[in-house]
Amino acid sequence: MDRYELKRPVFLIGFMGAGKTSVARRLARTCGIASVDMDTYLERSAGRSVKEIFAEDGEAGFRDIETGVLRELAGKDDPLLISCGGGIVERPENRELMVEAGVVVHLRVTVDEAESRISNKESRPLFGDLEAAEALRERRMPLYEQAADHSIDTAGRSIPQIAHDVRRLLEEGGVLCPLPA
């Protein structure tokens, strides 16, 4: 396996079910780079699930914690591949931080495709009915596009195909670089 290094943090953003976590895991495994799922990291740090945080602290409380975690992960000495929660773009300061700190890749997905990929909807506090999910996605789309350096359409594509495209973009941009053998 070829080993690579990241020159800057890479943020995978997009709506729930876009494949951010799966693509990050695939790239980490195939390139030998470090990745972190922001929601998992956040849950471990807070000692509560995202669903519990939403229930106890509301969305604003969750977003406060999320911004702190983003700042921490973006500032690591060794750049990480970070799969972000779907709502990371809600706050202007988060978008600014990602744009300034690294490279932002938007994985685009339709609500229908997202619904087919999400097995446990209970774990997604903001994925209610399809109509509400579509309204949320539509509201966030300009925010994803504003923050993104690159966008990749994920509809009807496998995780390996999407990961290949992300890898190619990062290599071409000089962000993902092979280590000497």
N, C-alpha and C. Protein backbone atom coordinates (compact mmCIF):
# COMPACT_ATOMS: atom_id res chain seq x y z
N MET A 1 0.85 -1.20 0.00
CA MET A 1 0.00 0.00 0.00
C MET A 1 0.88 1.25 0.00
N ASP A 2 0.59 2.15 -0.90
CA ASP A 2 1.28 3.43 -0.91
C ASP A 2 0.84 4.22 0.31
N ARG A 3 1.79 4.97 0.87
CA ARG A 3 1.46 5.80 2.02
C ARG A 3 1.54 7.26 1.62
N TYR A 4 0.63 8.03 2.14
CA TYR A 4 0.51 9.44 1.79
C TYR A 4 0.52 10.28 3.06
N GLU A 5 0.67 11.58 2.86
CA GLU A 5 0.48 12.51 3.95
C GLU A 5 -0.38 13.67 3.47
N LEU A 6 -1.12 14.25 4.41
CA LEU A 6 -1.91 15.43 4.12
C LEU A 6 -1.07 16.66 4.45
N LYS A 7 -1.09 17.63 3.55
CA LYS A 7 -0.37 18.89 3.78
C LYS A 7 -1.23 19.89 4.54
N ARG A 8 -2.55 19.73 4.44
CA ARG A 8 -3.51 20.60 5.13
C ARG A 8 -4.69 19.75 5.56
N PRO A 9 -5.47 20.20 6.54
CA PRO A 9 -6.68 19.46 6.90
C PRO A 9 -7.64 19.42 5.70
N VAL A 10 -8.39 18.33 5.60
CA VAL A 10 -9.41 18.18 4.57
C VAL A 10 -10.74 17.94 5.26
N PHE A 11 -11.73 18.75 4.90
CA PHE A 11 -13.06 18.66 5.50
C PHE A 11 -14.04 18.13 4.47
N LEU A 12 -14.68 17.00 4.77
CA LEU A 12 -15.74 16.48 3.92
C LEU A 12 -17.05 17.00 4.49
N ILE A 13 -17.79 17.75 3.67
CA ILE A 13 -19.07 18.31 4.11
C ILE A 13 -20.17 17.82 3.18
N GLY A 14 -21.39 17.95 3.65
CA GLY A 14 -22.54 17.57 2.84
C GLY A 14 -23.69 17.14 3.72
N PHE A 15 -24.82 16.92 3.10
CA PHE A 15 -26.03 16.55 3.82
C PHE A 15 -25.88 15.14 4.41
N MET A 16 -26.73 14.85 5.39
CA MET A 16 -26.76 13.51 5.99
C MET A 16 -26.89 12.47 4.88
N GLY A 17 -26.13 11.39 5.00
CA GLY A 17 -26.24 10.31 4.03
C GLY A 17 -25.45 10.52 2.76
N ALA A 18 -24.63 11.57 2.71
CA ALA A 18 -23.83 11.83 1.50
C ALA A 18 -22.66 10.86 1.38
N GLY A 19 -22.28 10.22 2.48
CA GLY A 19 -21.17 9.27 2.47
C GLY A 19 -19.88 9.83 3.04
N LYS A 20 -19.97 10.92 3.77
CA LYS A 20 -18.77 11.59 4.29
C LYS A 20 -17.91 10.65 5.15
N THR A 21 -18.53 9.99 6.10
CA THR A 21 -17.79 9.11 7.01
C THR A 21 -17.22 7.91 6.26
N SER A 22 -18.01 7.30 5.41
CA SER A 22 -17.55 6.12 4.66
C SER A 22 -16.42 6.47 3.72
N VAL A 23 -16.51 7.61 3.05
CA VAL A 23 -15.45 8.05 2.14
C VAL A 23 -14.17 8.35 2.93
N ALA A 24 -14.31 9.01 4.07
CA ALA A 24 -13.13 9.31 4.90
C ALA A 24 -12.46 8.02 5.37
N ARG A 25 -13.25 7.06 5.81
CA ARG A 25 -12.68 5.77 6.25
C ARG A 25 -11.94 5.08 5.10
N ARG A 26 -12.55 5.09 3.94
CA ARG A 26 -11.95 4.45 2.76
C ARG A 26 -10.62 5.11 2.41
N LEU A 27 -10.60 6.43 2.38
CA LEU A 27 -9.37 7.15 2.07
C LEU A 27 -8.30 6.92 3.13
N ALA A 28 -8.70 6.92 4.38
CA ALA A 28 -7.75 6.68 5.47
C ALA A 28 -7.10 5.30 5.30
N ARG A 29 -7.92 4.31 4.98
CA ARG A 29 -7.43 2.95 4.84
C ARG A 29 -6.53 2.80 3.60
N THR A 30 -6.95 3.35 2.47
CA THR A 30 -6.19 3.15 1.23
C THR A 30 -4.97 4.05 1.11
N CYS A 31 -4.95 5.16 1.83
CA CYS A 31 -3.83 6.10 1.73
C CYS A 31 -2.95 6.14 2.98
N GLY A 32 -3.38 5.45 4.03
CA GLY A 32 -2.60 5.45 5.26
C GLY A 32 -2.56 6.81 5.95
N ILE A 33 -3.67 7.55 5.85
CA ILE A 33 -3.73 8.86 6.50
C ILE A 33 -4.71 8.80 7.67
N ALA A 34 -4.60 9.76 8.57
CA ALA A 34 -5.47 9.80 9.74
C ALA A 34 -6.78 10.49 9.40
N SER A 35 -7.88 9.88 9.82
CA SER A 35 -9.19 10.51 9.63
C SER A 35 -9.95 10.48 10.94
N VAL A 36 -10.91 11.38 11.04
CA VAL A 36 -11.75 11.42 12.23
C VAL A 36 -13.17 11.80 11.81
N ASP A 37 -14.13 11.11 12.39
CA ASP A 37 -15.53 11.46 12.20
C ASP A 37 -15.88 12.45 13.30
N MET A 38 -16.26 13.66 12.91
CA MET A 38 -16.48 14.72 13.89
C MET A 38 -17.57 14.39 14.90
N ASP A 39 -18.69 13.82 14.44
CA ASP A 39 -19.77 13.51 15.37
C ASP A 39 -19.34 12.45 16.40
N THR A 40 -18.60 11.44 15.96
CA THR A 40 -18.11 10.40 16.88
C THR A 40 -17.14 11.01 17.89
N TYR A 41 -16.23 11.85 17.40
CA TYR A 41 -15.27 12.52 18.26
C TYR A 41 -16.00 13.41 19.27
N LEU A 42 -16.98 14.14 18.78
CA LEU A 42 -17.78 15.04 19.62
C LEU A 42 -18.51 14.24 20.71
N GLU A 43 -19.11 13.11 20.32
CA GLU A 43 -19.84 12.28 21.30
C GLU A 43 -18.90 11.77 22.39
N ARG A 44 -17.72 11.34 21.99
CA ARG A 44 -16.75 10.83 22.97
C ARG A 44 -16.30 11.96 23.90
N SER A 45 -16.04 13.13 23.33
CA SER A 45 -15.60 14.27 24.14
C SER A 45 -16.68 14.71 25.12
N ALA A 46 -17.93 14.75 24.66
CA ALA A 46 -19.04 15.23 25.49
C ALA A 46 -19.60 14.14 26.40
N GLY A 47 -19.29 12.88 26.11
CA GLY A 47 -19.82 11.77 26.90
C GLY A 47 -21.31 11.56 26.70
N ARG A 48 -21.84 12.07 25.57
CA ARG A 48 -23.26 11.93 25.25
C ARG A 48 -23.40 11.77 23.74
N SER A 49 -24.51 11.18 23.32
CA SER A 49 -24.77 11.05 21.89
C SER A 49 -25.26 12.38 21.33
N VAL A 50 -25.15 12.52 20.01
CA VAL A 50 -25.66 13.72 19.35
C VAL A 50 -27.14 13.90 19.69
N LYS A 51 -27.88 12.80 19.65
CA LYS A 51 -29.32 12.85 19.95
C LYS A 51 -29.56 13.37 21.37
N GLU A 52 -28.76 12.90 22.34
CA GLU A 52 -28.90 13.36 23.73
C GLU A 52 -28.55 14.84 23.86
N ILE A 53 -27.51 15.26 23.18
CA ILE A 53 -27.11 16.67 23.24
C ILE A 53 -28.22 17.55 22.69
N PHE A 54 -28.79 17.16 21.54
CA PHE A 54 -29.91 17.91 20.96
C PHE A 54 -31.07 17.97 21.95
N ALA A 55 -31.40 16.84 22.59
CA ALA A 55 -32.53 16.78 23.52
C ALA A 55 -32.29 17.62 24.76
N GLU A 56 -31.06 17.60 25.28
CA GLU A 56 -30.76 18.27 26.54
C GLU A 56 -30.35 19.74 26.36
N ASP A 57 -29.60 20.05 25.30
CA ASP A 57 -29.04 21.39 25.13
C ASP A 57 -29.65 22.15 23.95
N GLY A 58 -30.46 21.45 23.14
CA GLY A 58 -31.02 22.07 21.94
C GLY A 58 -29.99 22.15 20.83
N GLU A 59 -30.44 22.57 19.67
CA GLU A 59 -29.53 22.64 18.52
C GLU A 59 -28.43 23.67 18.76
N ALA A 60 -28.75 24.79 19.39
CA ALA A 60 -27.74 25.83 19.64
C ALA A 60 -26.62 25.29 20.54
N GLY A 61 -26.99 24.54 21.56
CA GLY A 61 -26.00 23.94 22.45
C GLY A 61 -25.10 22.96 21.71
N PHE A 62 -25.73 22.16 20.85
CA PHE A 62 -24.96 21.22 20.05
C PHE A 62 -23.99 21.97 19.14
N ARG A 63 -24.47 23.03 18.47
CA ARG A 63 -23.63 23.78 17.54
C ARG A 63 -22.44 24.43 18.27
N ASP A 64 -22.65 24.85 19.54
CA ASP A 64 -21.54 25.40 20.32
C ASP A 64 -20.44 24.35 20.51
N ILE A 65 -20.85 23.15 20.89
CA ILE A 65 -19.89 22.06 21.09
C ILE A 65 -19.20 21.73 19.77
N GLU A 66 -20.00 21.67 18.70
CA GLU A 66 -19.48 21.32 17.38
C GLU A 66 -18.41 22.32 16.92
N THR A 67 -18.64 23.60 17.13
CA THR A 67 -17.68 24.62 16.74
C THR A 67 -16.37 24.45 17.50
N GLY A 68 -16.46 24.16 18.79
CA GLY A 68 -15.26 23.92 19.60
C GLY A 68 -14.46 22.73 19.09
N VAL A 69 -15.17 21.65 18.74
CA VAL A 69 -14.51 20.45 18.23
C VAL A 69 -13.87 20.74 16.87
N LEU A 70 -14.58 21.47 16.02
CA LEU A 70 -14.03 21.83 14.71
C LEU A 70 -12.73 22.62 14.87
N ARG A 71 -12.75 23.59 15.75
CA ARG A 71 -11.57 24.42 15.99
C ARG A 71 -10.40 23.55 16.46
N GLU A 72 -10.70 22.62 17.37
CA GLU A 72 -9.66 21.72 17.90
C GLU A 72 -9.08 20.83 16.79
N LEU A 73 -9.93 20.19 16.00
CA LEU A 73 -9.47 19.27 14.97
C LEU A 73 -8.74 20.00 13.84
N ALA A 74 -9.21 21.18 13.48
CA ALA A 74 -8.58 21.96 12.41
C ALA A 74 -7.19 22.44 12.81
N GLY A 75 -6.97 22.59 14.12
CA GLY A 75 -5.71 23.13 14.61
C GLY A 75 -4.66 22.10 14.98
N LYS A 76 -4.93 20.83 14.71
CA LYS A 76 -3.95 19.78 15.05
C LYS A 76 -2.66 19.98 14.24
N ASP A 77 -1.52 19.62 14.84
CA ASP A 77 -0.23 19.74 14.16
C ASP A 77 -0.17 18.87 12.92
N ASP A 78 -0.66 17.63 13.03
CA ASP A 78 -0.71 16.73 11.88
C ASP A 78 -2.09 16.83 11.25
N PRO A 79 -2.18 17.33 10.01
CA PRO A 79 -3.48 17.52 9.38
C PRO A 79 -4.30 16.22 9.30
N LEU A 80 -5.59 16.35 9.48
CA LEU A 80 -6.52 15.21 9.47
C LEU A 80 -7.49 15.31 8.31
N LEU A 81 -8.03 14.16 7.94
CA LEU A 81 -9.17 14.08 7.04
C LEU A 81 -10.39 14.02 7.96
N ILE A 82 -11.23 15.05 7.90
CA ILE A 82 -12.33 15.21 8.86
C ILE A 82 -13.67 15.09 8.16
N SER A 83 -14.46 14.08 8.56
CA SER A 83 -15.83 14.00 8.04
C SER A 83 -16.71 14.77 9.02
N CYS A 84 -17.31 15.84 8.52
CA CYS A 84 -18.08 16.76 9.36
C CYS A 84 -19.55 16.36 9.40
N GLY A 85 -20.23 16.79 10.46
CA GLY A 85 -21.66 16.61 10.54
C GLY A 85 -22.34 17.45 9.47
N GLY A 86 -23.53 17.04 9.06
CA GLY A 86 -24.25 17.71 7.98
C GLY A 86 -24.53 19.18 8.22
N GLY A 87 -24.65 19.57 9.49
CA GLY A 87 -24.99 20.95 9.81
C GLY A 87 -23.82 21.85 10.13
N ILE A 88 -22.60 21.37 9.91
CA ILE A 88 -21.41 22.16 10.25
C ILE A 88 -21.42 23.52 9.57
N VAL A 89 -22.07 23.60 8.41
CA VAL A 89 -22.08 24.85 7.63
C VAL A 89 -23.08 25.87 8.16
N GLU A 90 -23.87 25.50 9.14
CA GLU A 90 -24.90 26.39 9.67
C GLU A 90 -24.31 27.69 10.22
N ARG A 91 -23.14 27.60 10.80
CA ARG A 91 -22.51 28.79 11.39
C ARG A 91 -21.46 29.38 10.47
N PRO A 92 -21.57 30.69 10.21
CA PRO A 92 -20.57 31.35 9.35
C PRO A 92 -19.14 31.13 9.85
N GLU A 93 -18.93 31.15 11.18
CA GLU A 93 -17.57 30.99 11.71
C GLU A 93 -17.01 29.61 11.37
N ASN A 94 -17.87 28.59 11.29
CA ASN A 94 -17.40 27.24 10.92
C ASN A 94 -16.96 27.21 9.46
N ARG A 95 -17.77 27.83 8.60
CA ARG A 95 -17.41 27.87 7.18
C ARG A 95 -16.08 28.60 7.00
N GLU A 96 -15.93 29.73 7.67
CA GLU A 96 -14.69 30.51 7.57
C GLU A 96 -13.49 29.71 8.07
N LEU A 97 -13.67 29.03 9.19
CA LEU A 97 -12.58 28.26 9.78
C LEU A 97 -12.13 27.15 8.84
N MET A 98 -13.07 26.43 8.24
CA MET A 98 -12.72 25.35 7.32
C MET A 98 -12.00 25.89 6.09
N VAL A 99 -12.53 26.97 5.53
CA VAL A 99 -11.94 27.56 4.32
C VAL A 99 -10.53 28.04 4.60
N GLU A 100 -10.31 28.67 5.74
CA GLU A 100 -8.99 29.19 6.08
C GLU A 100 -8.00 28.09 6.45
N ALA A 101 -8.48 27.04 7.13
CA ALA A 101 -7.59 26.01 7.66
C ALA A 101 -7.19 24.95 6.65
N GLY A 102 -8.06 24.66 5.67
CA GLY A 102 -7.75 23.54 4.80
C GLY A 102 -8.52 23.53 3.50
N VAL A 103 -8.83 22.32 3.04
CA VAL A 103 -9.54 22.11 1.79
C VAL A 103 -10.90 21.51 2.14
N VAL A 104 -11.94 22.06 1.51
CA VAL A 104 -13.31 21.64 1.80
C VAL A 104 -13.89 20.96 0.57
N VAL A 105 -14.34 19.70 0.75
CA VAL A 105 -14.93 18.93 -0.33
C VAL A 105 -16.39 18.65 0.02
N HIS A 106 -17.28 19.12 -0.85
CA HIS A 106 -18.72 18.93 -0.66
C HIS A 106 -19.16 17.68 -1.41
N LEU A 107 -19.71 16.72 -0.68
CA LEU A 107 -20.29 15.53 -1.29
C LEU A 107 -21.79 15.79 -1.43
N ARG A 108 -22.25 15.95 -2.67
CA ARG A 108 -23.66 16.26 -2.93
C ARG A 108 -24.49 14.99 -2.94
N VAL A 109 -25.69 15.10 -2.37
CA VAL A 109 -26.61 13.95 -2.34
C VAL A 109 -28.04 14.48 -2.37
N THR A 110 -28.93 13.72 -3.00
CA THR A 110 -30.36 14.06 -2.96
C THR A 110 -30.95 13.48 -1.68
N VAL A 111 -32.10 13.99 -1.28
CA VAL A 111 -32.75 13.49 -0.07
C VAL A 111 -33.17 12.03 -0.27
N ASP A 112 -33.68 11.69 -1.44
CA ASP A 112 -34.08 10.30 -1.69
C ASP A 112 -32.90 9.35 -1.56
N GLU A 113 -31.77 9.75 -2.13
CA GLU A 113 -30.56 8.92 -2.04
C GLU A 113 -30.11 8.84 -0.58
N ALA A 114 -30.13 9.96 0.13
CA ALA A 114 -29.74 9.97 1.54
C ALA A 114 -30.62 9.04 2.36
N GLU A 115 -31.92 9.10 2.10
CA GLU A 115 -32.83 8.24 2.87
C GLU A 115 -32.52 6.77 2.63
N SER A 116 -32.17 6.41 1.40
CA SER A 116 -31.87 5.01 1.10
C SER A 116 -30.57 4.57 1.77
N ARG A 117 -29.69 5.50 2.09
CA ARG A 117 -28.39 5.15 2.70
C ARG A 117 -28.43 5.14 4.23
N ILE A 118 -29.34 5.91 4.81
CA ILE A 118 -29.37 6.03 6.28
C ILE A 118 -30.21 4.91 6.85
N SER A 119 -29.54 3.99 7.54
CA SER A 119 -30.26 2.85 8.09
C SER A 119 -30.98 3.20 9.40
N ASN A 120 -30.34 4.02 10.23
CA ASN A 120 -30.92 4.35 11.53
C ASN A 120 -31.31 5.82 11.59
N LYS A 121 -32.52 6.13 11.18
CA LYS A 121 -32.98 7.52 11.15
C LYS A 121 -33.14 8.09 12.57
N GLU A 122 -33.31 7.21 13.55
CA GLU A 122 -33.46 7.65 14.94
C GLU A 122 -32.20 8.40 15.40
N SER A 123 -31.04 8.04 14.85
CA SER A 123 -29.79 8.68 15.28
C SER A 123 -29.59 10.04 14.62
N ARG A 124 -30.49 10.43 13.73
CA ARG A 124 -30.38 11.70 13.01
C ARG A 124 -31.50 12.63 13.45
N PRO A 125 -31.23 13.46 14.47
CA PRO A 125 -32.29 14.31 15.03
C PRO A 125 -32.97 15.22 14.02
N LEU A 126 -32.29 15.62 12.95
CA LEU A 126 -32.89 16.56 12.01
C LEU A 126 -33.40 15.90 10.73
N PHE A 127 -33.32 14.55 10.66
CA PHE A 127 -33.85 13.87 9.49
C PHE A 127 -35.22 13.32 9.87
N GLY A 128 -36.22 14.20 9.81
CA GLY A 128 -37.58 13.80 10.15
C GLY A 128 -38.23 13.18 8.93
N ASP A 129 -39.30 13.76 8.49
CA ASP A 129 -39.94 13.25 7.29
C ASP A 129 -39.19 13.77 6.06
N LEU A 130 -39.49 13.19 4.91
CA LEU A 130 -38.77 13.55 3.68
C LEU A 130 -38.96 15.01 3.29
N GLU A 131 -40.15 15.53 3.50
CA GLU A 131 -40.42 16.93 3.16
C GLU A 131 -39.56 17.87 3.99
N ALA A 132 -39.48 17.60 5.30
CA ALA A 132 -38.66 18.42 6.19
C ALA A 132 -37.18 18.28 5.84
N ALA A 133 -36.76 17.06 5.52
CA ALA A 133 -35.37 16.82 5.15
C ALA A 133 -35.02 17.57 3.87
N GLU A 134 -35.93 17.56 2.91
CA GLU A 134 -35.69 18.26 1.64
C GLU A 134 -35.57 19.77 1.87
N ALA A 135 -36.43 20.32 2.72
CA ALA A 135 -36.37 21.75 3.03
C ALA A 135 -35.03 22.10 3.70
N LEU A 136 -34.59 21.23 4.60
CA LEU A 136 -33.31 21.45 5.29
C LEU A 136 -32.14 21.38 4.30
N ARG A 137 -32.17 20.40 3.42
CA ARG A 137 -31.10 20.26 2.42
C ARG A 137 -31.07 21.48 1.50
N GLU A 138 -32.24 21.92 1.06
CA GLU A 138 -32.31 23.09 0.18
C GLU A 138 -31.77 24.34 0.86
N ARG A 139 -32.06 24.48 2.15
CA ARG A 139 -31.58 25.64 2.89
C ARG A 139 -30.05 25.60 3.04
N ARG A 140 -29.51 24.40 3.22
CA ARG A 140 -28.07 24.26 3.43
C ARG A 140 -27.24 24.27 2.15
N MET A 141 -27.85 23.94 1.02
CA MET A 141 -27.08 23.81 -0.24
C MET A 141 -26.22 25.03 -0.54
N PRO A 142 -26.74 26.26 -0.47
CA PRO A 142 -25.88 27.42 -0.75
C PRO A 142 -24.72 27.54 0.25
N LEU A 143 -24.93 27.08 1.47
CA LEU A 143 -23.88 27.14 2.49
C LEU A 143 -22.78 26.14 2.18
N TYR A 144 -23.17 24.92 1.76
CA TYR A 144 -22.18 23.92 1.35
C TYR A 144 -21.36 24.46 0.18
N GLU A 145 -22.07 25.00 -0.81
CA GLU A 145 -21.39 25.49 -2.02
C GLU A 145 -20.47 26.67 -1.71
N GLN A 146 -20.90 27.52 -0.77
CA GLN A 146 -20.08 28.68 -0.39
C GLN A 146 -18.76 28.23 0.24
N ALA A 147 -18.81 27.20 1.06
CA ALA A 147 -17.62 26.75 1.77
C ALA A 147 -16.72 25.84 0.93
N ALA A 148 -17.28 25.19 -0.08
CA ALA A 148 -16.57 24.12 -0.80
C ALA A 148 -15.52 24.64 -1.78
N ASP A 149 -14.37 23.99 -1.75
CA ASP A 149 -13.35 24.17 -2.79
C ASP A 149 -13.70 23.28 -3.98
N HIS A 150 -14.31 22.12 -3.68
CA HIS A 150 -14.67 21.13 -4.70
C HIS A 150 -16.02 20.53 -4.32
N SER A 151 -16.80 20.13 -5.34
CA SER A 151 -18.06 19.42 -5.10
C SER A 151 -18.07 18.15 -5.94
N ILE A 152 -18.56 17.09 -5.35
CA ILE A 152 -18.65 15.80 -6.04
C ILE A 152 -20.06 15.27 -5.89
N ASP A 153 -20.67 14.90 -7.00
CA ASP A 153 -22.01 14.33 -6.98
C ASP A 153 -21.90 12.85 -6.61
N THR A 154 -22.64 12.43 -5.60
CA THR A 154 -22.54 11.05 -5.11
C THR A 154 -23.68 10.14 -5.59
N ALA A 155 -24.66 10.70 -6.27
CA ALA A 155 -25.86 9.93 -6.65
C ALA A 155 -25.50 8.72 -7.49
N GLY A 156 -25.96 7.55 -7.05
CA GLY A 156 -25.78 6.31 -7.78
C GLY A 156 -24.34 5.83 -7.85
N ARG A 157 -23.48 6.37 -6.99
CA ARG A 157 -22.06 6.01 -7.03
C ARG A 157 -21.66 5.30 -5.73
N SER A 158 -20.72 4.40 -5.86
CA SER A 158 -20.24 3.64 -4.70
C SER A 158 -19.23 4.45 -3.90
N ILE A 159 -19.01 4.04 -2.67
CA ILE A 159 -18.01 4.69 -1.81
C ILE A 159 -16.62 4.63 -2.46
N PRO A 160 -16.18 3.48 -3.00
CA PRO A 160 -14.86 3.47 -3.65
C PRO A 160 -14.77 4.46 -4.82
N GLN A 161 -15.83 4.61 -5.60
CA GLN A 161 -15.82 5.56 -6.72
C GLN A 161 -15.69 7.00 -6.21
N ILE A 162 -16.46 7.32 -5.18
CA ILE A 162 -16.43 8.68 -4.62
C ILE A 162 -15.07 8.95 -4.00
N ALA A 163 -14.55 7.98 -3.24
CA ALA A 163 -13.24 8.13 -2.60
C ALA A 163 -12.15 8.33 -3.65
N HIS A 164 -12.25 7.62 -4.75
CA HIS A 164 -11.27 7.77 -5.84
C HIS A 164 -11.27 9.21 -6.36
N ASP A 165 -12.47 9.78 -6.56
CA ASP A 165 -12.57 11.16 -7.04
C ASP A 165 -11.99 12.16 -6.04
N VAL A 166 -12.29 11.95 -4.76
CA VAL A 166 -11.76 12.84 -3.72
C VAL A 166 -10.24 12.74 -3.70
N ARG A 167 -9.74 11.53 -3.75
CA ARG A 167 -8.29 11.30 -3.74
C ARG A 167 -7.62 12.02 -4.92
N ARG A 168 -8.18 11.87 -6.10
CA ARG A 168 -7.63 12.51 -7.30
C ARG A 168 -7.59 14.03 -7.14
N LEU A 169 -8.69 14.61 -6.65
CA LEU A 169 -8.74 16.06 -6.42
C LEU A 169 -7.66 16.51 -5.45
N LEU A 170 -7.49 15.75 -4.38
CA LEU A 170 -6.52 16.13 -3.35
C LEU A 170 -5.08 15.97 -3.86
N GLU A 171 -4.84 14.92 -4.63
CA GLU A 171 -3.51 14.72 -5.21
C GLU A 171 -3.19 15.83 -6.20
N GLU A 172 -4.13 16.13 -7.09
CA GLU A 172 -3.93 17.18 -8.08
C GLU A 172 -3.72 18.54 -7.43
N GLY A 173 -4.35 18.75 -6.28
CA GLY A 173 -4.21 20.01 -5.57
C GLY A 173 -2.99 20.09 -4.67
N GLY A 174 -2.19 19.02 -4.64
CA GLY A 174 -0.98 19.02 -3.81
C GLY A 174 -1.26 18.94 -2.32
N VAL A 175 -2.47 18.47 -1.97
CA VAL A 175 -2.84 18.37 -0.55
C VAL A 175 -2.56 16.95 -0.03
N LEU A 176 -2.74 15.95 -0.89
CA LEU A 176 -2.47 14.56 -0.55
C LEU A 176 -1.23 14.15 -1.34
N CYS A 177 -0.13 13.92 -0.62
CA CYS A 177 1.16 13.69 -1.28
C CYS A 177 1.74 12.35 -0.87
N PRO A 178 2.28 11.60 -1.86
CA PRO A 178 2.88 10.32 -1.54
C PRO A 178 4.15 10.50 -0.71
N LEU A 179 4.34 9.60 0.24
CA LEU A 179 5.56 9.59 1.03
C LEU A 179 6.61 8.77 0.28
N PRO A 180 7.89 9.11 0.42
CA PRO A 180 8.93 8.31 -0.24
C PRO A 180 8.89 6.87 0.27
N ALA A 181 9.16 5.92 -0.61
CA ALA A 181 9.12 4.50 -0.24
C ALA A 181 10.22 4.13 0.73
